[in-house]
N, C-alpha and C. Protein backbone atom coordinates (compact mmCIF):
# COMPACT_ATOMS: atom_id res chain seq x y z
N MET A 1 0.91 -0.98 0.27
CA MET A 1 -0.17 0.16 -0.25
C MET A 1 0.89 0.57 0.17
N ARG A 2 1.71 1.08 -0.08
CA ARG A 2 2.93 2.36 -0.53
C ARG A 2 2.93 3.26 -1.45
N LEU A 3 1.90 2.38 -2.69
CA LEU A 3 1.72 3.02 -3.81
C LEU A 3 1.16 4.94 -3.95
N PRO A 4 0.29 4.85 -3.14
CA PRO A 4 -0.54 6.36 -3.09
C PRO A 4 0.83 7.37 -2.47
N GLY A 5 1.42 7.04 -1.82
CA GLY A 5 2.83 7.61 -1.34
C GLY A 5 3.68 8.01 -2.09
N THR A 6 3.82 6.63 -3.23
CA THR A 6 4.93 7.21 -4.27
C THR A 6 4.57 7.99 -5.70
N LEU A 7 3.07 7.32 -5.95
CA LEU A 7 2.80 8.42 -7.10
C LEU A 7 2.36 9.92 -6.20
N LEU A 8 2.44 10.29 -5.47
CA LEU A 8 2.49 11.98 -4.35
C LEU A 8 3.60 12.47 -4.86
N LEU A 9 4.72 11.09 -4.71
CA LEU A 9 6.64 11.81 -4.39
C LEU A 9 7.00 11.89 -6.02
N LEU A 10 6.15 11.30 -6.80
CA LEU A 10 6.51 11.06 -8.38
C LEU A 10 5.70 12.67 -8.80
N ALA A 11 4.51 12.76 -8.59
CA ALA A 11 3.88 14.13 -8.59
C ALA A 11 4.65 15.59 -8.61
N CYS A 12 5.26 15.11 -7.37
CA CYS A 12 6.10 16.38 -6.76
C CYS A 12 7.55 16.30 -7.50
N PHE A 13 7.82 15.35 -8.23
CA PHE A 13 9.39 15.77 -8.75
C PHE A 13 9.13 16.07 -10.09
N CYS A 14 7.51 15.64 -11.08
CA CYS A 14 7.40 15.61 -12.32
C CYS A 14 6.74 17.18 -12.39
N SER A 15 5.85 17.82 -11.64
CA SER A 15 5.25 18.98 -11.60
C SER A 15 6.12 20.32 -12.47
N PRO A 16 7.54 20.54 -11.30
CA PRO A 16 8.10 21.13 -11.76
C PRO A 16 8.73 21.31 -13.08
N LEU A 17 9.15 19.82 -13.92
CA LEU A 17 9.67 19.90 -15.04
C LEU A 17 8.28 20.21 -16.17
N ALA A 18 7.18 19.92 -15.56
CA ALA A 18 5.98 19.91 -16.96
C ALA A 18 5.08 21.13 -16.76
N ALA A 19 6.20 22.36 -16.32
CA ALA A 19 6.00 23.36 -16.23
C ALA A 19 6.33 24.37 -17.26
N HIS A 20 7.56 23.36 -17.75
CA HIS A 20 8.35 24.48 -18.51
C HIS A 20 8.33 23.21 -20.14
N GLU A 21 7.48 22.39 -19.74
CA GLU A 21 7.02 21.87 -21.62
C GLU A 21 6.12 22.54 -21.90
N LEU A 22 5.38 23.62 -21.93
CA LEU A 22 4.40 24.06 -22.35
C LEU A 22 5.12 25.68 -22.96
N LYS A 23 5.88 25.78 -24.45
CA LYS A 23 6.63 26.59 -24.85
C LYS A 23 4.72 27.82 -24.77
N THR A 24 5.08 28.97 -24.25
CA THR A 24 5.12 30.03 -24.73
C THR A 24 5.36 31.60 -23.89
N ALA A 25 5.15 31.97 -24.49
CA ALA A 25 5.86 33.66 -24.51
C ALA A 25 4.47 34.62 -24.76
N LEU A 26 4.33 36.12 -24.28
CA LEU A 26 3.41 36.62 -24.09
C LEU A 26 3.95 38.26 -24.30
N SER A 27 3.20 38.56 -25.57
CA SER A 27 3.72 40.00 -25.62
C SER A 27 2.55 40.99 -25.73
N LYS A 28 2.32 42.58 -25.21
CA LYS A 28 1.63 43.24 -24.91
C LYS A 28 1.57 44.68 -26.01
N VAL A 29 1.27 45.15 -26.84
CA VAL A 29 1.35 45.80 -27.63
C VAL A 29 0.36 46.94 -26.99
N LEU A 30 1.02 47.82 -26.06
CA LEU A 30 0.35 48.99 -25.63
C LEU A 30 0.70 50.85 -26.07
N PHE A 31 -0.58 51.08 -26.25
CA PHE A 31 -0.84 52.67 -27.01
C PHE A 31 -0.79 53.34 -26.00
N ASN A 32 0.23 54.14 -25.90
CA ASN A 32 0.48 55.02 -24.54
C ASN A 32 0.29 56.18 -25.00
N PRO A 33 -1.23 57.09 -24.45
CA PRO A 33 -1.32 58.07 -25.30
C PRO A 33 -0.18 59.28 -24.51
N ARG A 34 0.36 59.11 -23.14
CA ARG A 34 1.48 59.96 -22.47
C ARG A 34 2.83 59.85 -23.02
N SER A 35 3.25 58.48 -23.35
CA SER A 35 4.26 58.52 -24.07
C SER A 35 4.20 59.46 -25.91
N GLY A 36 3.33 59.06 -25.94
CA GLY A 36 3.02 59.27 -27.93
C GLY A 36 3.47 57.56 -28.36
N ASN A 37 3.97 56.36 -27.98
CA ASN A 37 4.20 55.53 -28.41
C ASN A 37 3.38 54.16 -28.44
N ILE A 38 3.80 53.29 -29.45
CA ILE A 38 3.11 52.23 -29.12
C ILE A 38 4.51 51.39 -28.58
N GLU A 39 4.13 51.15 -27.39
CA GLU A 39 5.09 50.29 -27.03
C GLU A 39 5.08 48.63 -26.68
N VAL A 40 5.94 48.11 -26.74
CA VAL A 40 5.76 46.32 -27.07
C VAL A 40 6.64 45.84 -26.27
N MET A 41 5.76 44.61 -25.02
CA MET A 41 6.35 44.06 -24.47
C MET A 41 6.40 42.68 -24.42
N HIS A 42 7.82 42.02 -25.08
CA HIS A 42 7.92 40.68 -24.80
C HIS A 42 7.94 39.90 -23.46
N ARG A 43 7.03 39.19 -23.15
CA ARG A 43 7.45 38.31 -21.75
C ARG A 43 7.85 36.40 -22.14
N PHE A 44 9.72 36.49 -21.70
CA PHE A 44 9.75 34.89 -22.13
C PHE A 44 9.80 34.32 -20.90
N TYR A 45 9.52 33.35 -20.47
CA TYR A 45 10.19 32.29 -19.50
C TYR A 45 12.07 32.23 -19.35
N VAL A 46 12.16 32.54 -18.72
CA VAL A 46 14.00 32.84 -18.84
C VAL A 46 14.91 31.22 -18.67
N HIS A 47 14.18 30.12 -18.11
CA HIS A 47 13.73 28.32 -18.84
C HIS A 47 14.00 28.33 -19.96
N ASP A 48 13.05 29.00 -21.02
CA ASP A 48 12.79 28.83 -22.38
C ASP A 48 14.09 29.72 -23.11
N ALA A 49 14.14 30.92 -22.36
CA ALA A 49 14.83 32.16 -23.23
C ALA A 49 16.50 31.35 -22.95
N GLU A 50 16.73 30.34 -22.42
CA GLU A 50 18.17 30.15 -21.72
C GLU A 50 18.59 28.97 -23.38
N HIS A 51 17.60 28.06 -23.00
CA HIS A 51 17.33 27.07 -24.00
C HIS A 51 17.69 27.67 -25.56
N GLY A 52 17.37 28.61 -26.17
CA GLY A 52 16.51 28.85 -27.02
C GLY A 52 17.91 29.68 -27.35
N VAL A 53 19.08 30.67 -26.59
CA VAL A 53 20.23 31.11 -27.08
C VAL A 53 21.07 30.16 -27.23
N LYS A 54 20.85 28.84 -26.34
CA LYS A 54 22.24 28.31 -26.46
C LYS A 54 21.82 27.28 -27.97
N GLN A 55 20.86 27.41 -28.37
CA GLN A 55 20.53 26.27 -29.65
C GLN A 55 20.39 27.44 -30.90
N LEU A 56 20.82 28.64 -30.50
CA LEU A 56 20.03 29.88 -31.72
C LEU A 56 21.70 30.38 -31.74
N PHE A 57 22.28 30.40 -30.97
CA PHE A 57 23.47 31.54 -31.14
C PHE A 57 25.37 30.11 -30.35
N ASP A 58 24.70 29.59 -29.88
CA ASP A 58 26.23 29.03 -29.58
C ASP A 58 25.51 27.95 -28.07
N LYS A 59 26.19 26.62 -28.12
CA LYS A 59 26.03 25.95 -26.70
C LYS A 59 26.44 26.83 -25.55
N ASN A 60 27.42 27.53 -25.38
CA ASN A 60 27.71 28.28 -24.16
C ASN A 60 27.28 29.80 -24.20
N ALA A 61 26.51 30.48 -24.92
CA ALA A 61 26.04 31.29 -24.36
C ALA A 61 24.65 31.64 -23.37
N ASP A 62 25.17 32.57 -22.48
CA ASP A 62 24.99 32.45 -21.10
C ASP A 62 23.66 33.89 -21.29
N LEU A 63 22.40 33.30 -21.13
CA LEU A 63 21.42 35.00 -21.05
C LEU A 63 21.48 35.18 -19.47
N LEU A 64 22.01 34.70 -18.76
CA LEU A 64 21.88 35.15 -16.86
C LEU A 64 23.10 36.02 -17.07
N ASN A 65 24.39 35.45 -17.85
CA ASN A 65 25.41 36.41 -17.05
C ASN A 65 26.18 37.31 -18.38
N SER A 66 25.50 37.27 -19.75
CA SER A 66 26.26 37.58 -20.29
C SER A 66 25.44 38.36 -20.77
N GLU A 67 25.94 40.16 -20.76
CA GLU A 67 25.38 40.87 -21.71
C GLU A 67 25.04 41.32 -23.04
N GLN A 68 26.35 40.80 -24.01
CA GLN A 68 26.40 40.39 -24.90
C GLN A 68 25.33 39.38 -25.31
N THR A 69 25.33 38.37 -25.28
CA THR A 69 23.95 37.13 -24.94
C THR A 69 22.52 37.76 -25.16
N GLN A 70 22.38 38.52 -24.16
CA GLN A 70 20.94 39.42 -23.96
C GLN A 70 20.88 40.05 -25.33
N GLN A 71 21.85 41.10 -25.48
CA GLN A 71 21.99 41.92 -26.81
C GLN A 71 21.61 41.08 -28.38
N LEU A 72 22.05 39.88 -28.10
CA LEU A 72 21.87 39.00 -29.38
C LEU A 72 20.32 38.25 -29.11
N PHE A 73 19.77 37.96 -27.92
CA PHE A 73 18.40 37.66 -27.77
C PHE A 73 17.66 38.52 -27.90
N ASN A 74 17.89 39.94 -27.77
CA ASN A 74 17.37 41.29 -27.74
C ASN A 74 16.80 41.09 -29.71
N ARG A 75 17.70 41.43 -30.22
CA ARG A 75 17.73 41.57 -31.18
C ARG A 75 17.04 40.33 -32.06
N TYR A 76 17.14 39.14 -31.72
CA TYR A 76 16.58 38.03 -32.27
C TYR A 76 15.00 38.22 -32.44
N VAL A 77 14.53 38.36 -30.67
CA VAL A 77 12.73 38.67 -30.49
C VAL A 77 12.31 39.75 -31.50
N SER A 78 13.04 40.84 -31.26
CA SER A 78 13.01 41.77 -32.38
C SER A 78 12.46 41.75 -34.37
N ASP A 79 13.70 40.84 -34.41
CA ASP A 79 13.74 40.54 -35.90
C ASP A 79 12.52 39.72 -36.07
N HIS A 80 11.84 39.11 -35.12
CA HIS A 80 10.87 38.11 -35.44
C HIS A 80 9.68 38.38 -34.65
N PHE A 81 9.59 39.69 -34.74
CA PHE A 81 7.87 40.40 -34.61
C PHE A 81 7.49 41.71 -35.57
N ARG A 82 6.89 41.55 -36.22
CA ARG A 82 6.47 42.72 -37.01
C ARG A 82 5.05 43.34 -36.73
N MET A 83 5.21 44.65 -36.94
CA MET A 83 3.75 45.43 -37.10
C MET A 83 3.84 46.19 -38.33
N THR A 84 2.53 45.89 -39.10
CA THR A 84 2.45 46.53 -40.07
C THR A 84 0.73 47.35 -39.90
N ARG A 85 0.82 48.80 -40.92
CA ARG A 85 -0.92 49.22 -40.68
C ARG A 85 -1.58 48.00 -41.66
N LEU A 86 -3.03 48.10 -41.30
CA LEU A 86 -3.62 47.37 -42.03
C LEU A 86 -3.61 47.13 -43.96
N SER A 87 -2.53 48.37 -44.26
CA SER A 87 -2.56 48.29 -45.68
C SER A 87 -0.99 47.63 -46.24
N GLY A 88 -0.52 47.09 -45.01
CA GLY A 88 0.84 46.33 -45.54
C GLY A 88 2.02 47.39 -44.74
N GLU A 89 1.86 48.48 -45.21
CA GLU A 89 2.93 49.56 -44.46
C GLU A 89 3.34 49.54 -43.03
N PRO A 90 4.86 48.95 -43.42
CA PRO A 90 5.41 48.88 -41.85
C PRO A 90 5.46 49.66 -41.21
N LEU A 91 5.59 49.44 -39.84
CA LEU A 91 5.71 50.41 -38.74
C LEU A 91 6.88 50.14 -37.97
N PRO A 92 7.85 50.21 -38.32
CA PRO A 92 8.99 50.47 -37.75
C PRO A 92 9.19 50.40 -36.38
N LEU A 93 9.75 49.30 -35.43
CA LEU A 93 9.80 49.71 -33.92
C LEU A 93 11.18 49.84 -33.87
N THR A 94 11.72 50.22 -32.58
CA THR A 94 12.81 50.80 -32.09
C THR A 94 13.23 49.52 -30.63
N LEU A 95 14.17 49.09 -31.10
CA LEU A 95 14.57 47.77 -30.10
C LEU A 95 15.61 48.72 -28.81
N VAL A 96 14.35 48.41 -27.69
CA VAL A 96 14.79 49.44 -26.49
C VAL A 96 15.96 48.91 -26.01
N GLY A 97 15.46 47.53 -25.85
CA GLY A 97 16.25 46.99 -24.76
C GLY A 97 15.84 45.68 -23.91
N GLY A 98 16.24 44.72 -23.14
CA GLY A 98 15.94 43.66 -22.54
C GLY A 98 16.37 44.06 -21.15
N GLN A 99 15.96 42.62 -20.39
CA GLN A 99 15.80 42.46 -18.85
C GLN A 99 14.95 41.55 -18.23
N LEU A 100 15.95 41.04 -17.19
CA LEU A 100 15.68 39.51 -16.66
C LEU A 100 14.93 40.39 -15.32
N ASP A 101 14.04 39.47 -15.02
CA ASP A 101 12.93 39.67 -13.86
C ASP A 101 12.70 38.21 -13.36
N GLY A 102 13.20 38.05 -12.48
CA GLY A 102 12.75 36.97 -11.25
C GLY A 102 12.63 35.73 -12.59
N ARG A 103 11.94 35.42 -12.89
CA ARG A 103 12.06 33.78 -13.68
C ARG A 103 11.09 33.93 -15.31
N PHE A 104 11.33 35.56 -15.60
CA PHE A 104 11.01 36.39 -17.00
C PHE A 104 11.98 36.57 -17.42
N TYR A 105 12.20 36.81 -18.84
CA TYR A 105 13.08 37.44 -19.91
C TYR A 105 12.13 38.89 -20.12
N TRP A 106 12.37 40.17 -20.57
CA TRP A 106 11.36 40.68 -20.96
C TRP A 106 12.23 41.37 -22.07
N VAL A 107 11.60 41.56 -23.87
CA VAL A 107 12.34 42.48 -24.73
C VAL A 107 11.78 43.72 -24.72
N TYR A 108 11.94 44.82 -24.98
CA TYR A 108 11.22 45.65 -25.22
C TYR A 108 11.33 46.58 -26.59
N GLN A 109 10.32 47.01 -26.95
CA GLN A 109 10.37 47.83 -28.43
C GLN A 109 9.48 49.17 -28.77
N GLU A 110 9.26 49.99 -29.19
CA GLU A 110 8.58 51.12 -29.74
C GLU A 110 8.21 51.69 -31.10
N ALA A 111 7.22 52.26 -31.17
CA ALA A 111 7.39 53.18 -32.38
C ALA A 111 6.15 54.41 -32.06
N ALA A 112 6.15 55.25 -32.57
CA ALA A 112 5.60 56.52 -32.46
C ALA A 112 4.25 55.83 -33.32
N ILE A 113 3.20 56.27 -32.39
CA ILE A 113 1.60 56.47 -32.23
C ILE A 113 1.39 57.07 -34.08
N PRO A 114 0.77 56.17 -34.96
CA PRO A 114 0.87 56.73 -36.42
C PRO A 114 -0.35 58.01 -35.88
N VAL A 115 -0.66 58.97 -36.73
CA VAL A 115 -1.59 59.68 -36.59
C VAL A 115 -2.66 59.38 -36.54
N GLU A 116 -3.30 58.53 -38.15
CA GLU A 116 -4.49 57.64 -37.79
C GLU A 116 -3.93 56.04 -37.73
N ILE A 117 -4.60 55.24 -37.29
CA ILE A 117 -4.57 54.08 -36.99
C ILE A 117 -5.29 53.17 -37.16
N ALA A 118 -5.94 52.55 -38.25
CA ALA A 118 -7.41 51.43 -38.14
C ALA A 118 -7.03 50.23 -37.60
N GLY A 119 -6.13 49.70 -37.41
CA GLY A 119 -5.57 48.50 -37.37
C GLY A 119 -4.21 48.19 -37.16
N LEU A 120 -4.07 47.16 -36.95
CA LEU A 120 -2.38 46.06 -37.13
C LEU A 120 -2.68 45.51 -37.62
N ARG A 121 -1.25 44.56 -38.97
CA ARG A 121 -1.21 43.45 -39.00
C ARG A 121 -0.11 43.08 -38.37
N ILE A 122 0.53 41.90 -37.73
CA ILE A 122 1.05 41.61 -36.96
C ILE A 122 1.75 39.69 -36.87
N GLN A 123 2.86 40.17 -36.83
CA GLN A 123 3.60 38.57 -37.27
C GLN A 123 4.51 38.58 -35.30
N GLN A 124 4.20 37.25 -34.71
CA GLN A 124 5.30 37.28 -33.94
C GLN A 124 5.73 35.54 -33.79
N ASN A 125 6.77 35.17 -34.17
CA ASN A 125 7.40 33.84 -34.56
C ASN A 125 8.61 33.49 -33.88
N ALA A 126 8.86 34.09 -32.49
CA ALA A 126 9.92 34.11 -32.12
C ALA A 126 10.11 32.62 -31.26
N LEU A 127 10.81 31.84 -31.40
CA LEU A 127 11.79 30.89 -31.18
C LEU A 127 10.69 29.55 -31.53
N GLN A 128 9.56 30.16 -32.30
CA GLN A 128 8.82 28.75 -33.41
C GLN A 128 9.63 27.71 -34.30
N GLY A 129 10.53 28.10 -35.24
CA GLY A 129 11.76 27.52 -35.59
C GLY A 129 12.21 26.43 -34.68
N LEU A 130 12.89 27.05 -33.70
CA LEU A 130 13.31 25.89 -32.78
C LEU A 130 12.57 24.92 -32.48
N TRP A 131 11.26 24.92 -31.61
CA TRP A 131 10.04 24.57 -30.92
C TRP A 131 8.80 24.71 -32.10
N PRO A 132 8.36 23.99 -32.42
CA PRO A 132 7.04 24.37 -33.04
C PRO A 132 5.84 24.09 -32.29
N ALA A 133 5.90 23.63 -31.22
CA ALA A 133 4.81 23.94 -29.80
C ALA A 133 4.87 25.22 -29.16
N GLN A 134 6.20 25.68 -29.83
CA GLN A 134 5.77 27.46 -29.38
C GLN A 134 4.59 28.23 -29.40
N THR A 135 4.10 28.44 -28.77
CA THR A 135 2.63 29.40 -28.42
C THR A 135 3.25 31.04 -28.41
N ASN A 136 2.83 31.64 -29.26
CA ASN A 136 3.01 33.53 -28.80
C ASN A 136 1.88 34.40 -28.58
N THR A 137 1.57 34.38 -28.10
CA THR A 137 0.38 35.41 -27.46
C THR A 137 0.35 37.14 -27.51
N VAL A 138 -0.58 37.97 -28.24
CA VAL A 138 0.03 38.85 -27.86
C VAL A 138 -1.45 39.78 -27.87
N ASN A 139 -1.40 40.66 -27.01
CA ASN A 139 -2.64 41.25 -26.25
C ASN A 139 -2.23 43.17 -27.05
N ILE A 140 -3.15 43.35 -27.62
CA ILE A 140 -3.65 44.86 -27.96
C ILE A 140 -4.12 45.87 -27.05
N GLU A 141 -3.52 46.46 -26.38
CA GLU A 141 -4.18 47.54 -25.31
C GLU A 141 -4.20 48.82 -25.74
N GLY A 142 -5.21 49.64 -25.44
CA GLY A 142 -5.03 50.82 -25.28
C GLY A 142 -5.75 51.45 -26.83
N GLN A 143 -6.91 50.57 -27.40
CA GLN A 143 -7.31 51.44 -28.22
C GLN A 143 -8.90 50.70 -28.99
N GLY A 144 -9.46 50.94 -27.49
CA GLY A 144 -10.69 50.46 -26.92
C GLY A 144 -10.71 48.96 -26.43
N ALA A 145 -11.30 48.06 -26.88
CA ALA A 145 -11.00 46.88 -25.92
C ALA A 145 -10.20 45.92 -26.03
N ILE A 146 -9.40 45.08 -25.54
CA ILE A 146 -8.23 44.30 -25.85
C ILE A 146 -8.41 43.26 -26.21
N LYS A 147 -8.05 43.12 -27.50
CA LYS A 147 -7.65 41.71 -27.97
C LYS A 147 -6.70 41.37 -27.98
N THR A 148 -7.26 39.81 -28.66
CA THR A 148 -5.89 38.66 -28.48
C THR A 148 -5.71 37.86 -29.72
N LEU A 149 -3.95 37.92 -30.05
CA LEU A 149 -4.07 37.22 -31.66
C LEU A 149 -2.87 36.21 -30.46
N SER A 150 -3.62 34.78 -31.00
CA SER A 150 -2.74 33.28 -30.87
C SER A 150 -1.79 33.38 -31.83
N PHE A 151 -0.62 32.85 -31.98
CA PHE A 151 0.40 32.32 -33.19
C PHE A 151 1.02 31.20 -32.77
N ASP A 152 0.84 30.39 -33.54
CA ASP A 152 1.27 29.32 -33.47
C ASP A 152 2.85 28.90 -34.63
N SER A 153 3.29 27.33 -35.19
CA SER A 153 3.93 27.47 -35.87
C SER A 153 3.45 27.64 -37.29
N LYS A 154 2.01 27.76 -37.38
CA LYS A 154 1.94 27.54 -38.84
C LYS A 154 1.09 28.96 -39.17
N THR A 155 0.77 30.09 -38.29
CA THR A 155 0.34 31.20 -38.12
C THR A 155 1.21 32.37 -38.11
N GLU A 156 1.24 32.85 -39.74
CA GLU A 156 1.89 34.05 -40.48
C GLU A 156 1.84 35.34 -39.89
N TRP A 157 0.61 36.03 -40.37
CA TRP A 157 -0.05 37.20 -39.86
C TRP A 157 -1.58 36.99 -39.64
N GLN A 158 -1.86 37.81 -38.21
CA GLN A 158 -3.06 38.00 -38.17
C GLN A 158 -3.09 39.72 -37.85
N GLN A 159 -4.74 40.17 -38.31
CA GLN A 159 -4.73 41.38 -38.01
C GLN A 159 -6.08 41.87 -37.39
N VAL A 160 -5.87 43.13 -36.20
CA VAL A 160 -6.96 43.44 -35.74
C VAL A 160 -7.27 44.79 -36.14
N SER A 161 -8.82 45.24 -36.12
CA SER A 161 -9.33 46.50 -36.31
C SER A 161 -9.82 47.72 -35.35
N PHE A 162 -9.59 48.66 -35.16
CA PHE A 162 -10.04 49.38 -33.59
C PHE A 162 -11.41 50.23 -34.30
């Protein structure tokens, strides 16, 4: 009758591992009238980002302790996130930087809010080349109700209208 205790012990050891099996990232696109910018914030689990940089750049890449690795990852994320107007005209984003924050790594971008904008077309495929199961969620805030887009490895571009 030691089986229930063994199962409980096994569950305790497996649950932290299962937490990292689901590859996800969250991005927020915020229209900030105070700054006059569209502020983009990408949040990745440090565990996923650290494994990603080792596969993307170098097996010795160190996201936690190397500013150079952090800059490489920031640029990688920036290169894999795009926004355009509904017409397809690009909205060029400036890479602001990145930072470690507990169990998350953040990458920041921004662009001036266009005078008139009826919506956005967005592409977010960071880490999907490494892990086809990677899901990237993008929330758009500050233009009415929050709108959410979900990108998997088969999703190229999506759009929202305001």
